[in-house]
Structures are given as C-alpha cells and as structure tokens.
Amino acid sequence: MRFIAEIDVMPHKELLDPQGKTVGKNMHHIGIEGVSDVRIGKHIQMIIEASNESSARQEVEKACQKILTNPIMEGYTYVLTAQ
C-alpha cells in the first residue's frame, strides 16, 4: 500500500524562535496588523510504501525521531493518509 505522510515540525514553545520573532516584529512594516506571535517551522511530505497503516506509522515515527527533527528543540505532528 502507498501512504502519504504530511509532517509538521515546530520548535518547542519553551524555546526562543528568532526567525519567528523577526518576522513577527516586522509585519507592521508591510501593513499586517494584529499579529501577536509568529513561530516558524517546516512542513515535510513523505510517500511511503508499507504493507499496512501500522507499519507506515512506524516508519514515519522512526524518520521523525532519527532524522527529520531535533527532539531537544522540536516537536512534530503528522497526518497519514492512504493513497
């Protein structure tokens, strides 16, 4: 079976996000008002061949924990759909 994993990686809320702070502080310069906080992360899409959903989830978890995130600084969520 073929699955698509849509993974969102974000810095932990307890940590400073300098890129997000810079973007947030400068929004008013381009006419965007009312923004109180900006956090910037990354979005990753993976296509996985697996025998079932459970196996696909195991592969996504392994990828997130071993290569796609830094667990000390980042957290992740994902949605897995069969294709």
PDB file of N, CA and C in Angstrom:
ATOM      1  N   MET A   1       0.847  -1.180   0.000  1.00  0.00           N
ATOM      2  CA  MET A   1       0.000   0.000   0.000  1.00  0.00           C
ATOM      3  C   MET A   1       0.894   1.246   0.000  1.00  0.00           C
ATOM      4  N   ARG A   2       0.310   2.298  -0.505  1.00  0.00           N
ATOM      5  CA  ARG A   2       1.033   3.569  -0.566  1.00  0.00           C
ATOM      6  C   ARG A   2       0.372   4.575   0.371  1.00  0.00           C
ATOM      7  N   PHE A   3       1.186   5.270   1.159  1.00  0.00           N
ATOM      8  CA  PHE A   3       0.697   6.257   2.120  1.00  0.00           C
ATOM      9  C   PHE A   3       1.422   7.576   1.914  1.00  0.00           C
ATOM     10  N   ILE A   4       0.730   8.661   2.235  1.00  0.00           N
ATOM     11  CA  ILE A   4       1.346   9.979   2.242  1.00  0.00           C
ATOM     12  C   ILE A   4       1.354  10.476   3.678  1.00  0.00           C
ATOM     13  N   ALA A   5       2.521  10.863   4.140  1.00  0.00           N
ATOM     14  CA  ALA A   5       2.666  11.452   5.480  1.00  0.00           C
ATOM     15  C   ALA A   5       2.906  12.945   5.312  1.00  0.00           C
ATOM     16  N   GLU A   6       2.068  13.743   5.937  1.00  0.00           N
ATOM     17  CA  GLU A   6       2.230  15.202   5.975  1.00  0.00           C
ATOM     18  C   GLU A   6       2.706  15.535   7.383  1.00  0.00           C
ATOM     19  N   ILE A   7       3.956  15.940   7.509  1.00  0.00           N
ATOM     20  CA  ILE A   7       4.600  16.125   8.816  1.00  0.00           C
ATOM     21  C   ILE A   7       4.873  17.609   9.046  1.00  0.00           C
ATOM     22  N   ASP A   8       4.473  18.097  10.209  1.00  0.00           N
ATOM     23  CA  ASP A   8       4.770  19.472  10.610  1.00  0.00           C
ATOM     24  C   ASP A   8       5.738  19.440  11.783  1.00  0.00           C
ATOM     25  N   VAL A   9       6.841  20.160  11.650  1.00  0.00           N
ATOM     26  CA  VAL A   9       7.869  20.236  12.686  1.00  0.00           C
ATOM     27  C   VAL A   9       7.927  21.680  13.175  1.00  0.00           C
ATOM     28  N   MET A  10       7.815  21.850  14.484  1.00  0.00           N
ATOM     29  CA  MET A  10       7.830  23.190  15.075  1.00  0.00           C
ATOM     30  C   MET A  10       8.781  23.220  16.268  1.00  0.00           C
ATOM     31  N   PRO A  11       9.390  24.384  16.512  1.00  0.00           N
ATOM     32  CA  PRO A  11      10.219  24.497  17.719  1.00  0.00           C
ATOM     33  C   PRO A  11       9.334  24.401  18.967  1.00  0.00           C
ATOM     34  N   HIS A  12       9.883  23.836  20.030  1.00  0.00           N
ATOM     35  CA  HIS A  12       9.131  23.757  21.286  1.00  0.00           C
ATOM     36  C   HIS A  12       8.745  25.168  21.738  1.00  0.00           C
ATOM     37  N   LYS A  13       7.559  25.307  22.291  1.00  0.00           N
ATOM     38  CA  LYS A  13       7.061  26.622  22.715  1.00  0.00           C
ATOM     39  C   LYS A  13       7.945  27.266  23.774  1.00  0.00           C
ATOM     40  N   GLU A  14       8.651  26.458  24.560  1.00  0.00           N
ATOM     41  CA  GLU A  14       9.502  26.988  25.624  1.00  0.00           C
ATOM     42  C   GLU A  14      10.765  27.648  25.077  1.00  0.00           C
ATOM     43  N   LEU A  15      11.098  27.378  23.810  1.00  0.00           N
ATOM     44  CA  LEU A  15      12.341  27.883  23.230  1.00  0.00           C
ATOM     45  C   LEU A  15      12.101  29.128  22.400  1.00  0.00           C
ATOM     46  N   LEU A  16      13.086  29.985  22.379  1.00  0.00           N
ATOM     47  CA  LEU A  16      13.042  31.184  21.561  1.00  0.00           C
ATOM     48  C   LEU A  16      13.089  30.785  20.084  1.00  0.00           C
ATOM     49  N   ASP A  17      12.274  31.459  19.277  1.00  0.00           N
ATOM     50  CA  ASP A  17      12.258  31.242  17.833  1.00  0.00           C
ATOM     51  C   ASP A  17      12.689  32.553  17.179  1.00  0.00           C
ATOM     52  N   PRO A  18      14.005  32.771  16.997  1.00  0.00           N
ATOM     53  CA  PRO A  18      14.482  34.053  16.493  1.00  0.00           C
ATOM     54  C   PRO A  18      13.933  34.412  15.115  1.00  0.00           C
ATOM     55  N   GLN A  19      13.790  33.431  14.253  1.00  0.00           N
ATOM     56  CA  GLN A  19      13.243  33.702  12.919  1.00  0.00           C
ATOM     57  C   GLN A  19      11.790  34.167  13.032  1.00  0.00           C
ATOM     58  N   GLY A  20      11.014  33.490  13.854  1.00  0.00           N
ATOM     59  CA  GLY A  20       9.622  33.886  14.063  1.00  0.00           C
ATOM     60  C   GLY A  20       9.504  35.258  14.695  1.00  0.00           C
ATOM     61  N   LYS A  21      10.367  35.551  15.676  1.00  0.00           N
ATOM     62  CA  LYS A  21      10.354  36.866  16.336  1.00  0.00           C
ATOM     63  C   LYS A  21      10.638  37.974  15.330  1.00  0.00           C
ATOM     64  N   THR A  22      11.627  37.762  14.483  1.00  0.00           N
ATOM     65  CA  THR A  22      11.988  38.772  13.484  1.00  0.00           C
ATOM     66  C   THR A  22      10.835  39.016  12.521  1.00  0.00           C
ATOM     67  N   VAL A  23      10.228  37.964  12.031  1.00  0.00           N
ATOM     68  CA  VAL A  23       9.091  38.110  11.117  1.00  0.00           C
ATOM     69  C   VAL A  23       7.941  38.809  11.824  1.00  0.00           C
ATOM     70  N   GLY A  24       7.626  38.384  13.048  1.00  0.00           N
ATOM     71  CA  GLY A  24       6.529  38.989  13.802  1.00  0.00           C
ATOM     72  C   GLY A  24       6.719  40.472  14.055  1.00  0.00           C
ATOM     73  N   LYS A  25       7.941  40.865  14.394  1.00  0.00           N
ATOM     74  CA  LYS A  25       8.226  42.276  14.682  1.00  0.00           C
ATOM     75  C   LYS A  25       8.142  43.156  13.442  1.00  0.00           C
ATOM     76  N   ASN A  26       8.304  42.576  12.263  1.00  0.00           N
ATOM     77  CA  ASN A  26       8.342  43.369  11.043  1.00  0.00           C
ATOM     78  C   ASN A  26       7.063  43.310  10.216  1.00  0.00           C
ATOM     79  N   MET A  27       6.064  42.604  10.672  1.00  0.00           N
ATOM     80  CA  MET A  27       4.807  42.510   9.929  1.00  0.00           C
ATOM     81  C   MET A  27       4.160  43.876   9.709  1.00  0.00           C
ATOM     82  N   HIS A  28       4.237  44.741  10.714  1.00  0.00           N
ATOM     83  CA  HIS A  28       3.573  46.050  10.580  1.00  0.00           C
ATOM     84  C   HIS A  28       4.200  46.892   9.468  1.00  0.00           C
ATOM     85  N   HIS A  29       5.460  46.598   9.109  1.00  0.00           N
ATOM     86  CA  HIS A  29       6.126  47.339   8.033  1.00  0.00           C
ATOM     87  C   HIS A  29       5.495  47.075   6.667  1.00  0.00           C
ATOM     88  N   ILE A  30       4.810  45.947   6.536  1.00  0.00           N
ATOM     89  CA  ILE A  30       4.160  45.638   5.262  1.00  0.00           C
ATOM     90  C   ILE A  30       2.640  45.694   5.374  1.00  0.00           C
ATOM     91  N   GLY A  31       2.159  46.355   6.433  1.00  0.00           N
ATOM     92  CA  GLY A  31       0.726  46.597   6.571  1.00  0.00           C
ATOM     93  C   GLY A  31      -0.070  45.478   7.204  1.00  0.00           C
ATOM     94  N   ILE A  32       0.586  44.541   7.846  1.00  0.00           N
ATOM     95  CA  ILE A  32      -0.128  43.460   8.530  1.00  0.00           C
ATOM     96  C   ILE A  32      -0.154  43.789  10.014  1.00  0.00           C
ATOM     97  N   GLU A  33      -1.344  44.013  10.544  1.00  0.00           N
ATOM     98  CA  GLU A  33      -1.505  44.421  11.946  1.00  0.00           C
ATOM     99  C   GLU A  33      -2.203  43.320  12.744  1.00  0.00           C
ATOM    100  N   GLY A  34      -2.066  43.384  14.053  1.00  0.00           N
ATOM    101  CA  GLY A  34      -2.791  42.484  14.945  1.00  0.00           C
ATOM    102  C   GLY A  34      -2.137  41.132  15.160  1.00  0.00           C
ATOM    103  N   VAL A  35      -0.931  40.944  14.679  1.00  0.00           N
ATOM    104  CA  VAL A  35      -0.228  39.672  14.872  1.00  0.00           C
ATOM    105  C   VAL A  35       0.532  39.746  16.184  1.00  0.00           C
ATOM    106  N   SER A  36       0.256  38.817  17.091  1.00  0.00           N
ATOM    107  CA  SER A  36       0.912  38.872  18.394  1.00  0.00           C
ATOM    108  C   SER A  36       2.098  37.915  18.507  1.00  0.00           C
ATOM    109  N   ASP A  37       2.142  36.876  17.687  1.00  0.00           N
ATOM    110  CA  ASP A  37       3.252  35.928  17.793  1.00  0.00           C
ATOM    111  C   ASP A  37       3.380  35.162  16.482  1.00  0.00           C
ATOM    112  N   VAL A  38       4.595  34.906  16.068  1.00  0.00           N
ATOM    113  CA  VAL A  38       4.872  34.111  14.874  1.00  0.00           C
ATOM    114  C   VAL A  38       5.878  33.039  15.262  1.00  0.00           C
ATOM    115  N   ARG A  39       5.599  31.797  14.896  1.00  0.00           N
ATOM    116  CA  ARG A  39       6.529  30.688  15.092  1.00  0.00           C
ATOM    117  C   ARG A  39       6.731  30.057  13.727  1.00  0.00           C
ATOM    118  N   ILE A  40       7.954  29.784  13.373  1.00  0.00           N
ATOM    119  CA  ILE A  40       8.263  29.253  12.051  1.00  0.00           C
ATOM    120  C   ILE A  40       8.847  27.849  12.192  1.00  0.00           C
ATOM    121  N   GLY A  41       8.299  26.931  11.422  1.00  0.00           N
ATOM    122  CA  GLY A  41       8.750  25.545  11.419  1.00  0.00           C
ATOM    123  C   GLY A  41       8.932  25.061  10.000  1.00  0.00           C
ATOM    124  N   LYS A  42       8.728  23.764   9.803  1.00  0.00           N
ATOM    125  CA  LYS A  42       8.858  23.208   8.458  1.00  0.00           C
ATOM    126  C   LYS A  42       7.768  22.164   8.217  1.00  0.00           C
ATOM    127  N   HIS A  43       7.430  21.990   6.955  1.00  0.00           N
ATOM    128  CA  HIS A  43       6.430  21.010   6.539  1.00  0.00           C
ATOM    129  C   HIS A  43       7.134  20.020   5.617  1.00  0.00           C
ATOM    130  N   ILE A  44       6.948  18.734   5.892  1.00  0.00           N
ATOM    131  CA  ILE A  44       7.603  17.677   5.127  1.00  0.00           C
ATOM    132  C   ILE A  44       6.532  16.713   4.626  1.00  0.00           C
ATOM    133  N   GLN A  45       6.633  16.324   3.370  1.00  0.00           N
ATOM    134  CA  GLN A  45       5.731  15.318   2.814  1.00  0.00           C
ATOM    135  C   GLN A  45       6.564  14.100   2.424  1.00  0.00           C
ATOM    136  N   MET A  46       6.116  12.935   2.860  1.00  0.00           N
ATOM    137  CA  MET A  46       6.795  11.687   2.516  1.00  0.00           C
ATOM    138  C   MET A  46       5.786  10.729   1.906  1.00  0.00           C
ATOM    139  N   ILE A  47       6.207  10.016   0.887  1.00  0.00           N
ATOM    140  CA  ILE A  47       5.401   8.936   0.332  1.00  0.00           C
ATOM    141  C   ILE A  47       6.054   7.637   0.776  1.00  0.00           C
ATOM    142  N   ILE A  48       5.250   6.769   1.374  1.00  0.00           N
ATOM    143  CA  ILE A  48       5.763   5.551   1.990  1.00  0.00           C
ATOM    144  C   ILE A  48       5.051   4.341   1.407  1.00  0.00           C
ATOM    145  N   GLU A  49       5.817   3.335   1.046  1.00  0.00           N
ATOM    146  CA  GLU A  49       5.265   2.036   0.660  1.00  0.00           C
ATOM    147  C   GLU A  49       5.335   1.147   1.898  1.00  0.00           C
ATOM    148  N   ALA A  50       4.178   0.643   2.345  1.00  0.00           N
ATOM    149  CA  ALA A  50       4.132  -0.219   3.528  1.00  0.00           C
ATOM    150  C   ALA A  50       2.982  -1.209   3.377  1.00  0.00           C
ATOM    151  N   SER A  51       3.064  -2.301   4.101  1.00  0.00           N
ATOM    152  CA  SER A  51       2.031  -3.329   3.987  1.00  0.00           C
ATOM    153  C   SER A  51       0.718  -2.930   4.648  1.00  0.00           C
ATOM    154  N   ASN A  52       0.791  -2.040   5.649  1.00  0.00           N
ATOM    155  CA  ASN A  52      -0.428  -1.590   6.320  1.00  0.00           C
ATOM    156  C   ASN A  52      -0.165  -0.242   7.002  1.00  0.00           C
ATOM    157  N   GLU A  53      -1.218   0.351   7.548  1.00  0.00           N
ATOM    158  CA  GLU A  53      -1.103   1.673   8.174  1.00  0.00           C
ATOM    159  C   GLU A  53      -0.186   1.651   9.388  1.00  0.00           C
ATOM    160  N   SER A  54      -0.251   0.590  10.163  1.00  0.00           N
ATOM    161  CA  SER A  54       0.588   0.498  11.356  1.00  0.00           C
ATOM    162  C   SER A  54       2.078   0.521  10.986  1.00  0.00           C
ATOM    163  N   SER A  55       2.446  -0.210   9.955  1.00  0.00           N
ATOM    164  CA  SER A  55       3.844  -0.221   9.501  1.00  0.00           C
ATOM    165  C   SER A  55       4.259   1.148   8.969  1.00  0.00           C
ATOM    166  N   ALA A  56       3.354   1.794   8.256  1.00  0.00           N
ATOM    167  CA  ALA A  56       3.653   3.134   7.731  1.00  0.00           C
ATOM    168  C   ALA A  56       3.874   4.109   8.878  1.00  0.00           C
ATOM    169  N   ARG A  57       3.024   4.040   9.913  1.00  0.00           N
ATOM    170  CA  ARG A  57       3.183   4.919  11.077  1.00  0.00           C
ATOM    171  C   ARG A  57       4.524   4.672  11.777  1.00  0.00           C
ATOM    172  N   GLN A  58       4.920   3.430  11.875  1.00  0.00           N
ATOM    173  CA  GLN A  58       6.210   3.118  12.497  1.00  0.00           C
ATOM    174  C   GLN A  58       7.358   3.752  11.723  1.00  0.00           C
ATOM    175  N   GLU A  59       7.273   3.719  10.399  1.00  0.00           N
ATOM    176  CA  GLU A  59       8.320   4.317   9.576  1.00  0.00           C
ATOM    177  C   GLU A  59       8.346   5.836   9.720  1.00  0.00           C
ATOM    178  N   VAL A  60       7.173   6.455   9.784  1.00  0.00           N
ATOM    179  CA  VAL A  60       7.105   7.910   9.963  1.00  0.00           C
ATOM    180  C   VAL A  60       7.699   8.284  11.319  1.00  0.00           C
ATOM    181  N   GLU A  61       7.322   7.569  12.357  1.00  0.00           N
ATOM    182  CA  GLU A  61       7.858   7.838  13.697  1.00  0.00           C
ATOM    183  C   GLU A  61       9.381   7.705  13.707  1.00  0.00           C
ATOM    184  N   LYS A  62       9.887   6.648  13.089  1.00  0.00           N
ATOM    185  CA  LYS A  62      11.329   6.421  13.046  1.00  0.00           C
ATOM    186  C   LYS A  62      12.029   7.569  12.308  1.00  0.00           C
ATOM    187  N   ALA A  63      11.480   7.980  11.179  1.00  0.00           N
ATOM    188  CA  ALA A  63      12.075   9.077  10.409  1.00  0.00           C
ATOM    189  C   ALA A  63      12.065  10.377  11.212  1.00  0.00           C
ATOM    190  N   CYS A  64      10.944  10.654  11.872  1.00  0.00           N
ATOM    191  CA  CYS A  64      10.842  11.891  12.661  1.00  0.00           C
ATOM    192  C   CYS A  64      11.822  11.895  13.822  1.00  0.00           C
ATOM    193  N   GLN A  65      11.938  10.779  14.491  1.00  0.00           N
ATOM    194  CA  GLN A  65      12.793  10.717  15.673  1.00  0.00           C
ATOM    195  C   GLN A  65      14.279  10.651  15.338  1.00  0.00           C
ATOM    196  N   LYS A  66      14.624  10.090  14.172  1.00  0.00           N
ATOM    197  CA  LYS A  66      16.043   9.872  13.874  1.00  0.00           C
ATOM    198  C   LYS A  66      16.661  10.881  12.914  1.00  0.00           C
ATOM    199  N   ILE A  67      15.842  11.495  12.038  1.00  0.00           N
ATOM    200  CA  ILE A  67      16.471  12.359  11.037  1.00  0.00           C
ATOM    201  C   ILE A  67      15.728  13.664  10.761  1.00  0.00           C
ATOM    202  N   LEU A  68      14.415  13.688  10.884  1.00  0.00           N
ATOM    203  CA  LEU A  68      13.655  14.873  10.482  1.00  0.00           C
ATOM    204  C   LEU A  68      13.550  15.947  11.564  1.00  0.00           C
ATOM    205  N   THR A  69      13.751  15.575  12.821  1.00  0.00           N
ATOM    206  CA  THR A  69      13.632  16.555  13.903  1.00  0.00           C
ATOM    207  C   THR A  69      14.814  16.450  14.857  1.00  0.00           C
ATOM    208  N   ASN A  70      14.994  17.524  15.590  1.00  0.00           N
ATOM    209  CA  ASN A  70      15.918  17.522  16.722  1.00  0.00           C
ATOM    210  C   ASN A  70      15.017  17.497  17.958  1.00  0.00           C
ATOM    211  N   PRO A  71      14.830  16.337  18.585  1.00  0.00           N
ATOM    212  CA  PRO A  71      13.855  16.220  19.681  1.00  0.00           C
ATOM    213  C   PRO A  71      14.128  17.132  20.871  1.00  0.00           C
ATOM    214  N   ILE A  72      15.346  17.623  21.016  1.00  0.00           N
ATOM    215  CA  ILE A  72      15.653  18.546  22.106  1.00  0.00           C
ATOM    216  C   ILE A  72      15.007  19.901  21.845  1.00  0.00           C
ATOM    217  N   MET A  73      14.931  20.291  20.571  1.00  0.00           N
ATOM    218  CA  MET A  73      14.441  21.622  20.223  1.00  0.00           C
ATOM    219  C   MET A  73      13.098  21.640  19.500  1.00  0.00           C
ATOM    220  N   GLU A  74      12.677  20.504  18.938  1.00  0.00           N
ATOM    221  CA  GLU A  74      11.497  20.499  18.080  1.00  0.00           C
ATOM    222  C   GLU A  74      10.536  19.382  18.439  1.00  0.00           C
ATOM    223  N   GLY A  75       9.275  19.626  18.128  1.00  0.00           N
ATOM    224  CA  GLY A  75       8.240  18.616  18.221  1.00  0.00           C
ATOM    225  C   GLY A  75       7.633  18.424  16.843  1.00  0.00           C
ATOM    226  N   TYR A  76       6.842  17.369  16.678  1.00  0.00           N
ATOM    227  CA  TYR A  76       6.241  17.123  15.379  1.00  0.00           C
ATOM    228  C   TYR A  76       4.848  16.521  15.524  1.00  0.00           C
ATOM    229  N   THR A  77       4.065  16.748  14.501  1.00  0.00           N
ATOM    230  CA  THR A  77       2.762  16.098  14.349  1.00  0.00           C
ATOM    231  C   THR A  77       2.675  15.660  12.896  1.00  0.00           C
ATOM    232  N   TYR A  78       1.841  14.673  12.635  1.00  0.00           N
ATOM    233  CA  TYR A  78       1.695  14.239  11.242  1.00  0.00           C
ATOM    234  C   TYR A  78       0.308  13.671  11.002  1.00  0.00           C
ATOM    235  N   VAL A  79      -0.060  13.693   9.721  1.00  0.00           N
ATOM    236  CA  VAL A  79      -1.289  13.075   9.253  1.00  0.00           C
ATOM    237  C   VAL A  79      -0.876  12.058   8.197  1.00  0.00           C
ATOM    238  N   LEU A  80      -1.389  10.849   8.323  1.00  0.00           N
ATOM    239  CA  LEU A  80      -1.071   9.780   7.386  1.00  0.00           C
ATOM    240  C   LEU A  80      -2.334   9.401   6.636  1.00  0.00           C
ATOM    241  N   THR A  81      -2.260   9.424   5.320  1.00  0.00           N
ATOM    242  CA  THR A  81      -3.425   9.044   4.515  1.00  0.00           C
ATOM    243  C   THR A  81      -3.004   7.991   3.494  1.00  0.00           C
ATOM    244  N   ALA A  82      -3.897   7.046   3.243  1.00  0.00           N
ATOM    245  CA  ALA A  82      -3.663   6.036   2.215  1.00  0.00           C
ATOM    246  C   ALA A  82      -3.923   6.652   0.858  1.00  0.00           C
ATOM    247  N   GLN A  83      -3.130   6.237  -0.103  1.00  0.00           N
ATOM    248  CA  GLN A  83      -3.317   6.798  -1.446  1.00  0.00           C
ATOM    249  C   GLN A  83      -3.758   5.721  -2.380  1.00  0.00           C
TER     250      GLN A  83
END
